[in-house]
N, C-alpha and C. Protein backbone atom coordinates (compact mmCIF):
# COMPACT_ATOMS: atom_id res chain seq x y z
N MET A 1 -15.37 12.48 -7.36
CA MET A 1 -15.31 11.73 -6.12
C MET A 1 -16.30 10.57 -6.19
N SER A 2 -15.91 9.49 -5.57
CA SER A 2 -16.77 8.33 -5.45
C SER A 2 -16.96 8.03 -3.97
N ARG A 3 -18.05 7.36 -3.64
CA ARG A 3 -18.31 7.00 -2.25
C ARG A 3 -17.91 5.54 -2.05
N PHE A 4 -17.17 5.31 -0.95
CA PHE A 4 -16.73 3.97 -0.58
C PHE A 4 -17.21 3.65 0.83
N PHE A 5 -17.47 2.36 1.07
CA PHE A 5 -18.04 1.92 2.35
C PHE A 5 -17.11 0.89 2.98
N PHE A 6 -17.01 0.94 4.31
CA PHE A 6 -16.10 0.10 5.07
C PHE A 6 -16.92 -0.76 6.03
N HIS A 7 -17.31 -1.95 5.58
CA HIS A 7 -18.13 -2.85 6.38
C HIS A 7 -17.23 -3.75 7.23
N VAL A 8 -17.69 -4.07 8.44
CA VAL A 8 -16.96 -4.98 9.31
C VAL A 8 -17.76 -6.27 9.42
N ARG A 9 -17.11 -7.39 9.13
CA ARG A 9 -17.76 -8.70 9.15
C ARG A 9 -17.03 -9.62 10.13
N GLN A 10 -17.85 -10.32 10.95
CA GLN A 10 -17.32 -11.39 11.81
C GLN A 10 -18.23 -12.59 11.60
N GLY A 11 -17.68 -13.60 10.93
CA GLY A 11 -18.50 -14.77 10.61
C GLY A 11 -19.64 -14.35 9.70
N ASP A 12 -20.87 -14.70 10.10
CA ASP A 12 -22.05 -14.35 9.31
C ASP A 12 -22.62 -12.98 9.68
N ASP A 13 -22.08 -12.35 10.72
CA ASP A 13 -22.57 -11.05 11.17
C ASP A 13 -21.82 -9.93 10.47
N ILE A 14 -22.56 -8.90 10.08
CA ILE A 14 -21.94 -7.76 9.42
C ILE A 14 -22.43 -6.47 10.06
N GLU A 15 -21.51 -5.56 10.24
CA GLU A 15 -21.81 -4.20 10.69
C GLU A 15 -21.62 -3.31 9.46
N PRO A 16 -22.72 -2.98 8.77
CA PRO A 16 -22.57 -2.22 7.53
C PRO A 16 -22.22 -0.76 7.80
N ASP A 17 -21.42 -0.21 6.94
CA ASP A 17 -21.12 1.22 6.95
C ASP A 17 -22.20 1.86 6.09
N LEU A 18 -23.12 2.56 6.73
CA LEU A 18 -24.24 3.15 6.00
C LEU A 18 -23.93 4.55 5.47
N THR A 19 -22.83 5.13 5.94
CA THR A 19 -22.49 6.50 5.54
C THR A 19 -21.45 6.52 4.43
N GLY A 20 -20.36 5.80 4.62
CA GLY A 20 -19.29 5.78 3.63
C GLY A 20 -18.48 7.06 3.64
N LEU A 21 -17.48 7.09 2.77
CA LEU A 21 -16.61 8.25 2.60
C LEU A 21 -16.49 8.60 1.14
N ASP A 22 -16.48 9.88 0.84
CA ASP A 22 -16.21 10.33 -0.52
C ASP A 22 -14.70 10.42 -0.68
N LEU A 23 -14.19 9.65 -1.61
CA LEU A 23 -12.75 9.60 -1.86
C LEU A 23 -12.51 9.71 -3.36
N PRO A 24 -11.33 10.21 -3.75
CA PRO A 24 -11.08 10.46 -5.18
C PRO A 24 -11.03 9.21 -6.06
N ASP A 25 -10.56 8.08 -5.48
CA ASP A 25 -10.43 6.89 -6.32
C ASP A 25 -10.27 5.64 -5.45
N ALA A 26 -10.25 4.48 -6.10
CA ALA A 26 -10.16 3.20 -5.39
C ALA A 26 -8.82 3.04 -4.68
N LYS A 27 -7.76 3.56 -5.25
CA LYS A 27 -6.45 3.45 -4.61
C LYS A 27 -6.44 4.19 -3.27
N THR A 28 -7.01 5.38 -3.24
CA THR A 28 -7.12 6.14 -2.00
C THR A 28 -8.01 5.41 -1.00
N ALA A 29 -9.09 4.81 -1.49
CA ALA A 29 -9.99 4.05 -0.63
C ALA A 29 -9.28 2.84 -0.02
N GLN A 30 -8.44 2.17 -0.82
CA GLN A 30 -7.69 1.03 -0.29
C GLN A 30 -6.73 1.46 0.81
N SER A 31 -6.07 2.58 0.63
CA SER A 31 -5.18 3.10 1.68
C SER A 31 -5.97 3.42 2.94
N ALA A 32 -7.15 4.00 2.77
CA ALA A 32 -8.01 4.31 3.92
C ALA A 32 -8.47 3.03 4.61
N ALA A 33 -8.71 1.96 3.84
CA ALA A 33 -9.13 0.69 4.43
C ALA A 33 -8.02 0.08 5.27
N PHE A 34 -6.78 0.13 4.80
CA PHE A 34 -5.65 -0.38 5.59
C PHE A 34 -5.51 0.41 6.89
N LYS A 35 -5.66 1.73 6.82
CA LYS A 35 -5.58 2.56 8.02
C LYS A 35 -6.72 2.21 8.98
N ALA A 36 -7.92 2.04 8.45
CA ALA A 36 -9.07 1.70 9.28
C ALA A 36 -8.87 0.34 9.96
N LEU A 37 -8.30 -0.62 9.25
CA LEU A 37 -8.04 -1.93 9.82
C LEU A 37 -7.12 -1.81 11.03
N HIS A 38 -6.07 -1.03 10.89
CA HIS A 38 -5.14 -0.81 12.01
C HIS A 38 -5.84 -0.06 13.15
N ASP A 39 -6.59 0.97 12.82
CA ASP A 39 -7.25 1.79 13.83
C ASP A 39 -8.30 0.99 14.61
N LEU A 40 -9.01 0.13 13.92
CA LEU A 40 -10.08 -0.65 14.56
C LEU A 40 -9.59 -1.84 15.35
N ARG A 41 -8.38 -2.31 15.06
CA ARG A 41 -7.88 -3.54 15.69
C ARG A 41 -7.96 -3.46 17.21
N ASP A 42 -7.41 -2.41 17.80
CA ASP A 42 -7.40 -2.29 19.26
C ASP A 42 -8.81 -2.21 19.82
N GLU A 43 -9.63 -1.37 19.20
CA GLU A 43 -11.01 -1.18 19.65
C GLU A 43 -11.78 -2.50 19.61
N MET A 44 -11.65 -3.23 18.52
CA MET A 44 -12.37 -4.49 18.37
C MET A 44 -11.86 -5.54 19.35
N ALA A 45 -10.55 -5.57 19.60
CA ALA A 45 -9.97 -6.55 20.53
C ALA A 45 -10.49 -6.32 21.94
N VAL A 46 -10.60 -5.06 22.34
CA VAL A 46 -11.12 -4.73 23.68
C VAL A 46 -12.55 -5.24 23.81
N GLU A 47 -13.31 -5.20 22.73
CA GLU A 47 -14.69 -5.67 22.75
C GLU A 47 -14.80 -7.18 22.57
N GLY A 48 -13.66 -7.86 22.44
CA GLY A 48 -13.66 -9.32 22.33
C GLY A 48 -13.69 -9.86 20.92
N PHE A 49 -13.60 -9.00 19.94
CA PHE A 49 -13.61 -9.43 18.55
C PHE A 49 -12.16 -9.57 18.06
N THR A 50 -11.74 -10.78 17.76
CA THR A 50 -10.36 -11.00 17.35
C THR A 50 -10.23 -11.56 15.95
N ASP A 51 -11.31 -12.02 15.36
CA ASP A 51 -11.27 -12.61 14.02
C ASP A 51 -12.36 -11.95 13.18
N TRP A 52 -12.00 -10.90 12.48
CA TRP A 52 -12.98 -10.17 11.69
C TRP A 52 -12.33 -9.66 10.41
N THR A 53 -13.17 -9.21 9.51
CA THR A 53 -12.73 -8.77 8.20
C THR A 53 -13.32 -7.40 7.89
N LEU A 54 -12.52 -6.55 7.29
CA LEU A 54 -12.99 -5.26 6.80
C LEU A 54 -13.24 -5.41 5.30
N GLU A 55 -14.44 -5.06 4.89
CA GLU A 55 -14.81 -5.14 3.47
C GLU A 55 -14.91 -3.72 2.91
N LEU A 56 -14.16 -3.46 1.88
CA LEU A 56 -14.24 -2.17 1.20
C LEU A 56 -15.17 -2.35 0.00
N ALA A 57 -16.24 -1.56 -0.01
CA ALA A 57 -17.23 -1.67 -1.08
C ALA A 57 -17.34 -0.35 -1.83
N ASP A 58 -17.67 -0.46 -3.11
CA ASP A 58 -17.88 0.74 -3.92
C ASP A 58 -19.35 1.15 -3.85
N GLU A 59 -19.69 2.21 -4.55
CA GLU A 59 -21.06 2.75 -4.53
C GLU A 59 -22.10 1.75 -5.01
N ALA A 60 -21.71 0.86 -5.91
CA ALA A 60 -22.64 -0.13 -6.44
C ALA A 60 -22.82 -1.32 -5.49
N GLY A 61 -22.05 -1.34 -4.39
CA GLY A 61 -22.15 -2.44 -3.44
C GLY A 61 -21.17 -3.55 -3.69
N GLY A 62 -20.35 -3.42 -4.72
CA GLY A 62 -19.36 -4.44 -5.03
C GLY A 62 -18.19 -4.38 -4.05
N ILE A 63 -17.79 -5.53 -3.56
CA ILE A 63 -16.65 -5.61 -2.65
C ILE A 63 -15.38 -5.53 -3.50
N ILE A 64 -14.54 -4.53 -3.21
CA ILE A 64 -13.32 -4.38 -4.01
C ILE A 64 -12.06 -4.75 -3.23
N LEU A 65 -12.21 -4.97 -1.91
CA LEU A 65 -11.06 -5.36 -1.11
C LEU A 65 -11.55 -6.00 0.18
N LEU A 66 -10.94 -7.12 0.56
CA LEU A 66 -11.20 -7.78 1.84
C LEU A 66 -9.91 -7.79 2.63
N LEU A 67 -9.96 -7.30 3.87
CA LEU A 67 -8.79 -7.27 4.73
C LEU A 67 -9.13 -7.97 6.04
N SER A 68 -8.36 -8.97 6.39
CA SER A 68 -8.59 -9.70 7.64
C SER A 68 -7.67 -9.17 8.71
N VAL A 69 -8.21 -8.96 9.91
CA VAL A 69 -7.37 -8.51 11.02
C VAL A 69 -6.29 -9.55 11.32
N GLY A 70 -6.54 -10.81 11.00
CA GLY A 70 -5.55 -11.86 11.21
C GLY A 70 -4.32 -11.71 10.35
N ASP A 71 -4.41 -10.89 9.29
CA ASP A 71 -3.27 -10.66 8.41
C ASP A 71 -2.30 -9.62 8.96
N LEU A 72 -2.72 -8.89 10.00
CA LEU A 72 -1.85 -7.89 10.60
C LEU A 72 -0.83 -8.55 11.53
N PRO A 73 0.36 -7.97 11.66
CA PRO A 73 1.30 -8.51 12.63
C PRO A 73 0.73 -8.34 14.04
N PRO A 74 1.14 -9.19 14.98
CA PRO A 74 0.63 -9.07 16.35
C PRO A 74 0.99 -7.72 16.95
N LEU A 75 0.15 -7.31 17.90
CA LEU A 75 0.43 -6.08 18.63
C LEU A 75 1.64 -6.26 19.51
N ALA A 76 2.44 -5.22 19.63
CA ALA A 76 3.60 -5.26 20.52
C ALA A 76 3.12 -5.18 21.97
N VAL A 77 3.67 -5.98 22.84
CA VAL A 77 3.33 -5.96 24.26
C VAL A 77 4.31 -5.05 24.96
N THR A 78 3.78 -4.07 25.69
CA THR A 78 4.66 -3.13 26.39
C THR A 78 4.56 -3.31 27.89
């Protein structure tokens, strides 16, 4: 298992993930990052954050994936 971290960045501000998750590999971590992006979208929008990025980092601190909330399709209005 490796530890992966999911940092949230808006502009120059970053909310670091200090705990991370133990996951079997980078592919699993990437899937978890896509899920986290979707899960956080509503929460962040309610708080007024509409343009932010999720950074997936490995144990060494290297960024292995950047996901922008702007890349998601718009939310359906009900």
